[in-house]
Protein backbone atom coordinates (compact mmCIF):
# COMPACT_ATOMS: atom_id res chain seq x y z
CA MET A 1 90.95 108.40 108.30
CA PRO A 2 93.31 105.37 108.38
CA LEU A 3 91.99 102.05 107.16
CA ILE A 4 91.26 99.62 109.98
CA ILE A 5 92.87 96.17 110.14
CA LEU A 6 91.86 93.51 112.65
CA VAL A 7 94.73 91.22 113.74
CA VAL A 8 93.64 87.96 115.39
CA ASP A 9 96.18 85.60 116.98
CA ASP A 10 96.43 83.86 120.35
CA ASN A 11 100.21 84.39 120.33
CA LEU A 12 100.94 87.72 122.01
CA GLY A 13 104.29 88.12 120.25
CA THR A 14 102.73 87.71 116.82
CA ARG A 15 99.89 90.11 117.64
CA LEU A 16 102.26 92.79 118.84
CA SER A 17 104.80 92.45 116.04
CA VAL A 18 102.16 92.47 113.28
CA SER A 19 100.09 95.28 114.80
CA ASP A 20 103.17 97.45 115.47
CA TYR A 21 104.41 97.01 111.91
CA LEU A 22 101.02 97.81 110.39
CA GLU A 23 100.56 100.88 112.59
CA MET A 24 103.97 102.14 111.48
CA SER A 25 102.75 101.62 107.92
CA GLY A 26 99.88 104.03 108.54
CA TYR A 27 96.99 101.67 109.34
CA SER A 28 94.73 101.70 112.38
CA VAL A 29 94.94 98.30 114.08
CA VAL A 30 92.70 96.47 116.55
CA THR A 31 93.69 93.09 117.98
CA ALA A 32 91.97 89.99 119.35
CA GLU A 33 93.38 86.81 120.89
CA ASP A 34 90.71 84.46 119.56
CA GLY A 35 87.91 84.27 117.03
CA GLN A 36 85.17 84.91 119.54
CA GLU A 37 86.68 88.22 120.61
CA ALA A 38 87.30 89.06 116.97
CA LEU A 39 83.61 88.77 116.11
CA SER A 40 82.67 91.35 118.73
CA LEU A 41 85.39 93.71 117.46
CA ILE A 42 84.18 93.31 113.87
CA ASP A 43 80.74 94.56 114.87
CA LYS A 44 82.26 97.46 116.80
CA TYR A 45 84.98 98.66 114.42
CA HIS A 46 83.91 97.41 110.97
CA PRO A 47 87.50 96.70 109.85
CA HIS A 48 88.57 96.95 106.21
CA LEU A 49 90.63 93.72 106.39
CA ILE A 50 91.29 90.81 108.76
CA VAL A 51 94.63 89.10 109.40
CA THR A 52 94.03 85.95 111.44
CA ASP A 53 95.68 82.80 112.72
CA ILE A 54 93.90 79.44 112.40
CA ASN A 55 94.84 77.59 115.59
CA MET A 56 93.07 79.57 118.34
CA PRO A 57 90.92 78.76 121.39
CA LYS A 58 87.16 79.30 121.63
CA LEU A 59 86.74 79.99 117.90
CA ASN A 60 89.47 79.08 115.40
CA GLY A 61 90.30 80.92 112.20
CA TYR A 62 88.20 78.68 109.97
CA GLU A 63 85.16 79.13 112.20
CA LEU A 64 85.79 82.87 112.37
CA VAL A 65 85.74 83.22 108.59
CA GLN A 66 82.60 81.10 108.38
CA GLN A 67 80.83 83.43 110.82
CA VAL A 68 82.10 86.54 109.05
CA ARG A 69 80.91 85.37 105.63
CA LYS A 70 77.42 84.72 107.02
CA ARG A 71 77.05 88.44 107.72
CA PRO A 72 75.92 90.38 104.62
CA ALA A 73 77.92 93.47 105.58
CA PHE A 74 81.19 91.50 105.54
CA ARG A 75 80.82 89.09 102.63
CA LEU A 76 83.48 90.99 100.66
CA LEU A 77 85.77 91.73 103.63
CA PRO A 78 89.35 90.68 102.71
CA VAL A 79 90.80 87.96 104.97
CA VAL A 80 94.43 86.83 105.23
CA PHE A 81 95.34 83.61 107.05
CA LEU A 82 98.67 83.58 108.91
CA THR A 83 99.32 80.05 110.07
CA GLU A 84 101.71 77.14 110.42
CA ARG A 85 99.19 74.96 108.60
CA SER A 86 100.67 74.94 105.12
CA SER A 87 99.46 71.72 103.52
CA THR A 88 97.55 71.80 100.25
CA GLU A 89 94.45 70.44 101.97
CA GLU A 90 94.57 73.17 104.61
CA ARG A 91 94.96 75.90 102.01
CA ILE A 92 92.08 74.52 99.96
CA LYS A 93 89.87 74.47 103.05
CA GLY A 94 90.77 78.08 103.81
CA TYR A 95 89.95 79.25 100.28
CA GLN A 96 86.70 77.31 100.26
CA LEU A 97 85.63 79.03 103.46
CA GLY A 98 86.34 82.43 101.97
CA CYS A 99 89.86 83.58 102.82
CA ASP A 100 91.61 85.70 100.19
CA LEU A 101 95.20 84.68 100.85
CA TYR A 102 97.06 82.05 102.84
CA LEU A 103 100.46 83.17 104.21
CA PRO A 104 102.34 80.39 106.05
CA LYS A 105 104.44 81.09 109.15
CA PRO A 106 107.20 82.18 109.37
CA PHE A 107 106.54 85.11 107.04
CA GLU A 108 108.21 88.39 106.12
CA MET A 109 106.52 91.58 107.29
CA LYS A 110 107.25 93.23 103.95
CA GLU A 111 105.39 90.45 102.15
CA LEU A 112 102.44 90.74 104.52
CA SER A 113 102.36 94.51 103.97
CA ALA A 114 102.39 94.06 100.18
CA VAL A 115 99.59 91.49 100.40
CA ILE A 116 97.47 93.77 102.58
CA ARG A 117 97.96 96.80 100.34
CA ASN A 118 97.02 94.79 97.25
CA LEU A 119 93.86 93.37 98.85
CA LEU A 120 92.79 96.77 100.20
CA GLU A 121 93.28 98.43 96.82
CA ARG A 122 91.25 95.72 95.13
CA SER A 123 88.53 96.02 97.77
CA GLN A 124 88.36 99.80 97.39
CA MET A 125 88.16 99.49 93.61
CA MET A 126 85.29 97.01 93.91
CA GLN A 127 83.42 99.38 96.22
CA ALA A 128 84.04 102.27 93.84
CA GLU A 129 82.72 100.25 90.89
CA LEU A 130 79.60 99.35 92.86
CA ARG A 131 79.11 102.99 93.77
CA PHE A 132 79.45 104.22 90.22
CA SER A 133 77.12 101.51 88.93
CA SER A 134 74.52 102.70 91.43
CA THR A 135 74.82 106.38 90.53
CA ASP A 136 74.38 105.52 86.86
CA THR A 137 70.87 104.23 87.61
CA GLY A 138 69.66 107.68 88.65
CA PRO A 139 69.67 110.09 91.60
CA SER A 140 66.98 108.19 93.46
CA THR A 141 69.14 105.10 93.81
CA PRO A 142 70.77 104.92 97.26
CA SER A 143 74.57 104.80 97.42
CA PRO A 144 76.08 101.37 98.03
CA GLU A 145 77.88 102.92 100.97
CA THR A 146 74.57 102.98 102.80
CA THR A 147 73.98 99.30 102.08
CA GLU A 148 74.93 96.39 104.26
CA ALA A 149 77.95 95.44 102.10
CA THR A 150 79.99 98.50 103.08
CA PRO A 151 81.79 99.38 106.36
CA LYS A 152 80.22 102.07 108.54
CA SER A 153 83.24 104.31 108.06
CA GLU A 154 82.10 104.88 104.47
CA SER A 155 78.43 105.48 105.21
CA THR A 156 78.20 109.14 106.19
CA PRO A 157 76.87 111.27 103.27
CA ARG A 158 77.25 115.00 102.97
CA ALA A 159 74.47 116.85 101.17
CA ILE A 160 75.30 119.73 98.80
CA ALA A 161 73.38 121.68 96.21
CA SER A 162 74.09 121.25 92.50
CA PRO A 163 75.65 124.38 90.96
CA THR A 164 73.09 124.45 88.15
CA SER A 165 70.08 123.15 90.07
CA PRO A 166 70.04 124.32 93.70
CA SER A 167 67.02 122.21 94.43
CA ASN A 168 68.80 119.06 93.30
CA VAL A 169 70.54 117.75 96.41
CA LEU A 170 73.68 115.71 95.87
CA HIS A 171 75.44 113.56 98.40
CA LEU A 172 79.16 113.19 99.10
CA THR A 173 80.25 110.04 100.84
CA GLN A 174 82.82 110.28 103.60
CA ARG A 175 85.54 109.00 101.26
CA GLU A 176 84.58 111.50 98.55
CA GLN A 177 84.77 114.26 101.15
CA GLN A 178 88.25 113.11 102.15
CA VAL A 179 89.38 113.17 98.51
CA LEU A 180 87.80 116.61 98.05
CA ASP A 181 89.57 117.98 101.14
CA LEU A 182 92.93 116.80 99.79
CA LEU A 183 92.16 118.02 96.26
CA THR A 184 91.83 121.56 97.55
CA THR A 185 95.37 121.37 98.95
CA GLY A 186 96.75 120.81 95.45
CA LEU A 187 97.82 117.19 95.88
CA SER A 188 98.03 114.83 92.89
CA ASN A 189 96.03 111.60 92.65
CA SER A 190 99.13 109.63 93.62
CA GLU A 191 99.77 111.82 96.67
CA ILE A 192 96.12 111.59 97.74
CA GLY A 193 96.26 107.83 97.30
CA ASN A 194 99.30 107.59 99.56
CA LYS A 195 97.52 109.52 102.30
CA LEU A 196 94.31 107.45 102.07
CA HIS A 197 96.03 104.11 101.31
CA LEU A 198 94.28 103.84 97.95
CA SER A 199 95.63 103.37 94.44
CA PRO A 200 95.85 106.37 92.06
CA ARG A 201 93.32 104.62 89.82
CA THR A 202 90.83 104.47 92.70
CA ILE A 203 91.42 108.16 93.48
CA GLU A 204 90.78 108.92 89.81
CA LYS A 205 87.40 107.22 90.11
CA TYR A 206 86.54 109.34 93.15
CA VAL A 207 87.57 112.50 91.30
CA SER A 208 85.39 111.45 88.36
CA SER A 209 82.50 110.97 90.76
CA LEU A 210 83.09 114.45 92.20
CA LEU A 211 83.15 115.94 88.70
CA ARG A 212 79.84 114.29 87.92
CA LYS A 213 78.16 115.19 91.20
CA THR A 214 79.26 118.83 91.17
CA GLU A 215 78.66 119.16 87.42
CA THR A 216 82.16 120.59 86.89
CA SER A 217 84.67 119.77 84.15
CA ASN A 218 88.09 119.80 85.82
CA ARG A 219 89.89 119.74 89.16
CA ALA A 220 90.17 123.55 89.33
CA GLU A 221 86.40 123.91 88.97
CA ILE A 222 85.84 121.27 91.67
CA VAL A 223 88.06 123.23 94.06
CA ARG A 224 86.34 126.53 93.23
CA PHE A 225 82.92 124.94 93.68
CA ALA A 226 83.97 123.45 97.03
CA LEU A 227 85.25 126.78 98.29
CA GLU A 228 82.22 128.75 97.10
CA ASN A 229 79.84 126.27 98.72
CA HIS A 230 81.87 125.96 101.94
CA LEU A 231 82.41 122.22 101.48
CA VAL A 232 85.94 122.37 102.87
CA ASP A 233 87.29 123.92 106.04
């Protein structure tokens, strides 16, 4: 499932050029022409990152970020400002309100793409660390992907039985299931990362989680376990 990016700009040309480039890069993109529309789309699509202008009608970029950061589910959502406001004072204000990066117009699409990839990788790593910290506290602790700080796209668990204790029900998150599906095709961590827009290090963490949850010791055993328990199509 492609990662979702919300592009917010009242300039139609900018919206189209940025969204087209990101879609060609493999992301799923939704667009809004002002901050007010963006807020409704955030609730509907739960994007993984926001790229937004500052000067917009109804609700400007600063106000948009303020509203986003007030919502527990989106406190860690990466935000990139694209704007002609490039003074030190403007940048400081943006960072104080919670943006992650300030990219002044005009900008290069390749630079924007690199920025987005870096922020998404960091965000995924943070979520993985939170998940692993939770699982270390015991099987009764709910996964962070069911908490308010994680997008809905990551919240669907898949229950399976432990190979050594059938009564002990384990849960695969949607992302873990995606990694498992690709593991069974023989792809490397780097190849899986390219398909899911994650770093190899993050994929390694998901594989480690699968090893722990299935009580197996290597990738071959994970694949065999998945096939025997009909966890992959």
